[in-house]
Amino acid sequence: MAAKPKINVEKAFEELESITAWFERGEVDLDEGLKKFERGLELAAACKEKLAEIENKVSEIKKKFDGV
C-alpha cells in the first residue's frame, strides 16, 4: 500500500477557504461545484486526521512528563 502524502494543514486550510469563497460567490457550475465539494471533504478529512495525530502526540508527551 502506498504511503499517504503528508498534509500541510496551513495550505489545506487555505484551499478550504478558497473553496468556501467560491461557493459564497454563488457560481452555478454544478460540475465544478461537485468537484470542489468533494475536494473540500477530502481536505477536511485530512485535516481532521492530522489533528487527531497531533492530539495523540500531545497526550503521549504529557504522559511522558506527568511525574516530572
C-alpha atoms as a PDB file:
ATOM      1  CA  MET A   1       0.000   0.000   0.000  1.00  0.00           C
ATOM      2  CA  ALA A   2       1.329   3.440  -0.896  1.00  0.00           C
ATOM      3  CA  ALA A   3       2.092   5.841   1.921  1.00  0.00           C
ATOM      4  CA  LYS A   4      -0.273   8.760   2.344  1.00  0.00           C
ATOM      5  CA  PRO A   5       1.278  12.080   1.411  1.00  0.00           C
ATOM      6  CA  LYS A   6       1.927  14.391   4.329  1.00  0.00           C
ATOM      7  CA  ILE A   7      -0.600  17.168   4.558  1.00  0.00           C
ATOM      8  CA  ASN A   8       0.339  20.780   5.054  1.00  0.00           C
ATOM      9  CA  VAL A   9      -2.514  21.875   7.295  1.00  0.00           C
ATOM     10  CA  GLU A  10      -1.974  25.562   6.577  1.00  0.00           C
ATOM     11  CA  LYS A  11      -2.179  25.040   2.810  1.00  0.00           C
ATOM     12  CA  ALA A  12      -5.157  22.704   3.173  1.00  0.00           C
ATOM     13  CA  PHE A  13      -6.969  25.306   5.257  1.00  0.00           C
ATOM     14  CA  GLU A  14      -6.193  27.994   2.667  1.00  0.00           C
ATOM     15  CA  GLU A  15      -7.592  25.767  -0.068  1.00  0.00           C
ATOM     16  CA  LEU A  16     -10.707  25.119   2.017  1.00  0.00           C
ATOM     17  CA  GLU A  17     -11.152  28.879   2.441  1.00  0.00           C
ATOM     18  CA  SER A  18     -10.814  29.303  -1.318  1.00  0.00           C
ATOM     19  CA  ILE A  19     -13.445  26.631  -1.952  1.00  0.00           C
ATOM     20  CA  THR A  20     -15.762  28.242   0.583  1.00  0.00           C
ATOM     21  CA  ALA A  21     -15.307  31.639  -1.089  1.00  0.00           C
ATOM     22  CA  TRP A  22     -16.128  30.088  -4.484  1.00  0.00           C
ATOM     23  CA  PHE A  23     -19.418  28.729  -3.123  1.00  0.00           C
ATOM     24  CA  GLU A  24     -20.219  32.027  -1.417  1.00  0.00           C
ATOM     25  CA  ARG A  25     -19.914  33.829  -4.763  1.00  0.00           C
ATOM     26  CA  GLY A  26     -22.908  31.783  -5.864  1.00  0.00           C
ATOM     27  CA  GLU A  27     -21.420  30.411  -9.069  1.00  0.00           C
ATOM     28  CA  VAL A  28     -23.753  27.910 -10.671  1.00  0.00           C
ATOM     29  CA  ASP A  29     -21.430  25.457 -12.410  1.00  0.00           C
ATOM     30  CA  LEU A  30     -22.777  22.208 -10.953  1.00  0.00           C
ATOM     31  CA  ASP A  31     -19.957  20.005 -12.236  1.00  0.00           C
ATOM     32  CA  GLU A  32     -17.311  22.343 -10.840  1.00  0.00           C
ATOM     33  CA  GLY A  33     -19.287  22.679  -7.614  1.00  0.00           C
ATOM     34  CA  LEU A  34     -19.392  18.925  -7.182  1.00  0.00           C
ATOM     35  CA  LYS A  35     -15.621  18.672  -7.713  1.00  0.00           C
ATOM     36  CA  LYS A  36     -14.987  21.468  -5.226  1.00  0.00           C
ATOM     37  CA  PHE A  37     -17.372  19.902  -2.706  1.00  0.00           C
ATOM     38  CA  GLU A  38     -15.574  16.560  -2.961  1.00  0.00           C
ATOM     39  CA  ARG A  39     -12.153  18.218  -2.659  1.00  0.00           C
ATOM     40  CA  GLY A  40     -13.358  20.150   0.368  1.00  0.00           C
ATOM     41  CA  LEU A  41     -14.457  16.945   2.082  1.00  0.00           C
ATOM     42  CA  GLU A  42     -11.089  15.330   1.273  1.00  0.00           C
ATOM     43  CA  LEU A  43      -9.221  18.293   2.753  1.00  0.00           C
ATOM     44  CA  ALA A  44     -11.428  18.405   5.843  1.00  0.00           C
ATOM     45  CA  ALA A  45     -10.920  14.674   6.439  1.00  0.00           C
ATOM     46  CA  ALA A  46      -7.146  15.002   6.029  1.00  0.00           C
ATOM     47  CA  CYS A  47      -7.035  17.947   8.443  1.00  0.00           C
ATOM     48  CA  LYS A  48      -9.163  16.034  10.950  1.00  0.00           C
ATOM     49  CA  GLU A  49      -6.827  13.039  10.720  1.00  0.00           C
ATOM     50  CA  LYS A  50      -3.756  15.249  11.179  1.00  0.00           C
ATOM     51  CA  LEU A  51      -5.345  16.955  14.176  1.00  0.00           C
ATOM     52  CA  ALA A  52      -6.060  13.554  15.753  1.00  0.00           C
ATOM     53  CA  GLU A  53      -2.393  12.571  15.234  1.00  0.00           C
ATOM     54  CA  ILE A  54      -1.251  15.777  16.906  1.00  0.00           C
ATOM     55  CA  GLU A  55      -3.665  15.309  19.810  1.00  0.00           C
ATOM     56  CA  ASN A  56      -2.336  11.765  20.321  1.00  0.00           C
ATOM     57  CA  LYS A  57       1.250  13.016  20.255  1.00  0.00           C
ATOM     58  CA  VAL A  58       0.434  15.740  22.804  1.00  0.00           C
ATOM     59  CA  SER A  59      -1.154  13.098  25.062  1.00  0.00           C
ATOM     60  CA  GLU A  60       1.968  10.935  24.763  1.00  0.00           C
ATOM     61  CA  ILE A  61       4.212  13.868  25.648  1.00  0.00           C
ATOM     62  CA  LYS A  62       2.046  14.799  28.621  1.00  0.00           C
ATOM     63  CA  LYS A  63       2.137  11.192  29.909  1.00  0.00           C
ATOM     64  CA  LYS A  64       5.920  11.121  29.486  1.00  0.00           C
ATOM     65  CA  PHE A  65       6.350  14.192  31.675  1.00  0.00           C
ATOM     66  CA  ASP A  66       3.414  13.583  34.005  1.00  0.00           C
ATOM     67  CA  GLY A  67       5.510  12.735  37.049  1.00  0.00           C
ATOM     68  CA  VAL A  68       8.229  15.308  36.439  1.00  0.00           C
END
